[in-house]
C-alpha atoms as a PDB file:
ATOM      1  CA  GLN A   1     126.518  64.058  17.953  1.00  0.00           C
ATOM      2  CA  VAL A   2     123.931  61.742  17.296  1.00  0.00           C
ATOM      3  CA  GLN A   3     124.597  58.779  15.437  1.00  0.00           C
ATOM      4  CA  LEU A   4     121.507  56.855  13.359  1.00  0.00           C
ATOM      5  CA  GLU A   5     121.099  53.461  11.730  1.00  0.00           C
ATOM      6  CA  GLU A   6     118.915  52.171   9.182  1.00  0.00           C
ATOM      7  CA  SER A   7     117.877  48.385   9.560  1.00  0.00           C
ATOM      8  CA  GLY A   8     114.783  46.501   8.665  1.00  0.00           C
ATOM      9  CA  GLY A   9     115.172  46.944   4.589  1.00  0.00           C
ATOM     10  CA  GLY A  10     114.590  44.371   1.962  1.00  0.00           C
ATOM     11  CA  LEU A  11     112.970  42.390  -0.525  1.00  0.00           C
ATOM     12  CA  VAL A  12     109.208  42.424  -0.639  1.00  0.00           C
ATOM     13  CA  GLN A  13     106.276  41.372  -3.053  1.00  0.00           C
ATOM     14  CA  THR A  14     103.953  43.851  -4.418  1.00  0.00           C
ATOM     15  CA  GLY A  15     100.705  44.254  -1.260  1.00  0.00           C
ATOM     16  CA  GLY A  16     103.509  43.082   1.570  1.00  0.00           C
ATOM     17  CA  SER A  17     104.850  44.769   4.470  1.00  0.00           C
ATOM     18  CA  LEU A  18     108.146  45.976   6.050  1.00  0.00           C
ATOM     19  CA  GLY A  19     109.312  46.842   8.892  1.00  0.00           C
ATOM     20  CA  LEU A  20     112.306  49.700   9.838  1.00  0.00           C
ATOM     21  CA  SER A  21     114.008  50.556  12.384  1.00  0.00           C
ATOM     22  CA  CYS A  22     116.782  53.396  13.739  1.00  0.00           C
ATOM     23  CA  LYS A  23     118.611  53.347  16.233  1.00  0.00           C
ATOM     24  CA  ALA A  24     120.617  56.333  17.077  1.00  0.00           C
ATOM     25  CA  SER A  25     123.611  56.526  19.309  1.00  0.00           C
ATOM     26  CA  GLY A  26     125.680  58.610  20.911  1.00  0.00           C
ATOM     27  CA  ARG A  27     122.737  60.231  22.322  1.00  0.00           C
ATOM     28  CA  THR A  28     119.315  59.907  23.162  1.00  0.00           C
ATOM     29  CA  LEU A  29     116.812  60.735  20.642  1.00  0.00           C
ATOM     30  CA  ALA A  30     114.141  61.743  22.469  1.00  0.00           C
ATOM     31  CA  ILE A  31     114.718  65.429  22.406  1.00  0.00           C
ATOM     32  CA  TYR A  32     115.176  65.278  18.339  1.00  0.00           C
ATOM     33  CA  THR A  33     112.187  65.264  15.382  1.00  0.00           C
ATOM     34  CA  VAL A  34     112.991  62.121  13.468  1.00  0.00           C
ATOM     35  CA  ALA A  35     112.450  61.436  10.301  1.00  0.00           C
ATOM     36  CA  TRP A  36     112.303  58.842   7.267  1.00  0.00           C
ATOM     37  CA  PHE A  37     112.588  60.204   3.799  1.00  0.00           C
ATOM     38  CA  ARG A  38     113.420  57.695   0.472  1.00  0.00           C
ATOM     39  CA  GLN A  39     115.357  57.723  -2.485  1.00  0.00           C
ATOM     40  CA  ALA A  40     114.054  55.953  -5.200  1.00  0.00           C
ATOM     41  CA  PRO A  41     116.745  55.324  -8.142  1.00  0.00           C
ATOM     42  CA  GLY A  42     116.965  58.632 -10.456  1.00  0.00           C
ATOM     43  CA  LYS A  43     114.573  60.630  -8.205  1.00  0.00           C
ATOM     44  CA  GLU A  44     114.949  63.573  -5.534  1.00  0.00           C
ATOM     45  CA  ARG A  45     114.756  62.250  -2.069  1.00  0.00           C
ATOM     46  CA  GLU A  46     111.419  62.917  -0.713  1.00  0.00           C
ATOM     47  CA  PHE A  47     109.821  63.285   2.610  1.00  0.00           C
ATOM     48  CA  VAL A  48     107.836  60.446   4.083  1.00  0.00           C
ATOM     49  CA  GLU A  49     107.125  60.823   7.401  1.00  0.00           C
ATOM     50  CA  SER A  50     108.158  62.155  10.875  1.00  0.00           C
ATOM     51  CA  VAL A  51     107.335  62.657  14.707  1.00  0.00           C
ATOM     52  CA  THR A  52     108.610  65.075  17.030  1.00  0.00           C
ATOM     53  CA  SER A  53     110.057  64.588  20.169  1.00  0.00           C
ATOM     54  CA  SER A  54     105.852  65.540  22.126  1.00  0.00           C
ATOM     55  CA  GLY A  55     105.225  62.551  19.446  1.00  0.00           C
ATOM     56  CA  THR A  56     103.346  64.917  16.878  1.00  0.00           C
ATOM     57  CA  ILE A  57     103.261  62.825  13.827  1.00  0.00           C
ATOM     58  CA  ILE A  58     103.451  64.554  10.251  1.00  0.00           C
ATOM     59  CA  ASN A  59     103.435  62.985   7.258  1.00  0.00           C
ATOM     60  CA  TYR A  60     101.078  65.231   4.427  1.00  0.00           C
ATOM     61  CA  GLY A  61      99.218  62.319   3.152  1.00  0.00           C
ATOM     62  CA  GLY A  62     101.229  62.184  -0.135  1.00  0.00           C
ATOM     63  CA  VAL A  63     103.209  59.644  -0.283  1.00  0.00           C
ATOM     64  CA  VAL A  64     102.169  57.931   2.925  1.00  0.00           C
ATOM     65  CA  LYS A  65      98.194  57.573   2.102  1.00  0.00           C
ATOM     66  CA  GLY A  66      97.597  55.880   5.159  1.00  0.00           C
ATOM     67  CA  ARG A  67      99.976  52.926   4.408  1.00  0.00           C
ATOM     68  CA  PHE A  68     103.130  54.010   6.801  1.00  0.00           C
ATOM     69  CA  THR A  69     102.947  54.217  10.360  1.00  0.00           C
ATOM     70  CA  ILE A  70     105.711  55.936  12.153  1.00  0.00           C
ATOM     71  CA  SER A  71     107.058  55.384  15.858  1.00  0.00           C
ATOM     72  CA  ARG A  72     109.097  55.964  18.508  1.00  0.00           C
ATOM     73  CA  ASP A  73     110.344  54.036  21.676  1.00  0.00           C
ATOM     74  CA  ASN A  74     112.448  56.304  23.505  1.00  0.00           C
ATOM     75  CA  GLY A  75     113.216  53.627  26.170  1.00  0.00           C
ATOM     76  CA  LYS A  76     114.593  52.210  23.046  1.00  0.00           C
ATOM     77  CA  ASN A  77     116.672  55.262  21.756  1.00  0.00           C
ATOM     78  CA  THR A  78     114.636  54.234  18.419  1.00  0.00           C
ATOM     79  CA  VAL A  79     112.128  55.311  15.836  1.00  0.00           C
ATOM     80  CA  SER A  80     110.452  52.443  13.399  1.00  0.00           C
ATOM     81  CA  LEU A  81     108.446  52.734   9.865  1.00  0.00           C
ATOM     82  CA  GLN A  82     105.834  49.890   9.675  1.00  0.00           C
ATOM     83  CA  MET A  83     105.173  49.603   5.600  1.00  0.00           C
ATOM     84  CA  ASN A  84     102.287  48.512   4.438  1.00  0.00           C
ATOM     85  CA  SER A  85     100.871  47.177   0.496  1.00  0.00           C
ATOM     86  CA  LEU A  86     103.728  48.344  -0.515  1.00  0.00           C
ATOM     87  CA  ASN A  87     103.786  48.613  -3.873  1.00  0.00           C
ATOM     88  CA  PRO A  88     106.844  48.785  -6.831  1.00  0.00           C
ATOM     89  CA  GLU A  89     107.177  53.000  -5.907  1.00  0.00           C
ATOM     90  CA  ASP A  90     108.069  52.134  -2.954  1.00  0.00           C
ATOM     91  CA  THR A  91     111.471  50.876  -4.154  1.00  0.00           C
ATOM     92  CA  ALA A  92     114.065  52.883  -2.591  1.00  0.00           C
ATOM     93  CA  VAL A  93     116.729  53.459  -0.385  1.00  0.00           C
ATOM     94  CA  TYR A  94     115.377  54.634   2.974  1.00  0.00           C
ATOM     95  CA  TYR A  95     116.532  56.958   5.101  1.00  0.00           C
ATOM     96  CA  CYS A  96     116.082  58.243   8.582  1.00  0.00           C
ATOM     97  CA  ALA A  97     117.118  61.606  10.010  1.00  0.00           C
ATOM     98  CA  ALA A  98     116.672  63.643  12.716  1.00  0.00           C
ATOM     99  CA  ARG A  99     116.970  67.191  14.143  1.00  0.00           C
ATOM    100  CA  LEU A 100     116.253  69.608  17.253  1.00  0.00           C
ATOM    101  CA  ASP A 101     112.528  70.368  16.782  1.00  0.00           C
ATOM    102  CA  ASN A 102     112.872  74.001  16.894  1.00  0.00           C
ATOM    103  CA  LEU A 103     115.929  73.565  13.563  1.00  0.00           C
ATOM    104  CA  LYS A 104     114.352  73.307   9.785  1.00  0.00           C
ATOM    105  CA  ILE A 105     117.117  71.424   8.790  1.00  0.00           C
ATOM    106  CA  TYR A 106     118.111  67.505   9.223  1.00  0.00           C
ATOM    107  CA  ASN A 107     121.627  67.314  10.172  1.00  0.00           C
ATOM    108  CA  TYR A 108     121.632  63.764  11.583  1.00  0.00           C
ATOM    109  CA  TRP A 109     121.631  60.845   8.341  1.00  0.00           C
ATOM    110  CA  GLY A 110     122.151  57.325   8.698  1.00  0.00           C
ATOM    111  CA  GLN A 111     123.187  55.815   6.106  1.00  0.00           C
ATOM    112  CA  GLY A 112     120.138  54.262   4.482  1.00  0.00           C
ATOM    113  CA  THR A 113     118.332  50.634   3.862  1.00  0.00           C
ATOM    114  CA  GLN A 114     117.111  49.107   0.540  1.00  0.00           C
ATOM    115  CA  VAL A 115     113.522  48.524   0.008  1.00  0.00           C
ATOM    116  CA  THR A 116     112.848  47.096  -2.459  1.00  0.00           C
ATOM    117  CA  VAL A 117     109.459  45.986  -3.832  1.00  0.00           C
ATOM    118  CA  SER A 118     108.630  43.119  -6.695  1.00  0.00           C
ATOM    119  CA  LEU A 119     105.730  42.814  -9.461  1.00  0.00           C
END
């Protein structure tokens, strides 16, 4: 079992930056693909960005648009998400999730951390 805990959320003004962290316990995170998702009030959860165990980054472009950067530090059992040029549309609860590389379903989830971007 892998337990995930997000941290780093908070309130920031438009144009500001925040760094989120996903810390794993129970098992090494190094063998997993780890992703960040987010869910805004009244909207469905959406994929933000992911990084595989080998370091390949997937973001599909739409949500991130070059503003967010995912990274992993296997020594610290942590995956981070650096978010720059934030705008109110980025306001959401951000979740990290993990799955083995060869699976499609993320079966480990954190509790989420709130990010609020004010005007």
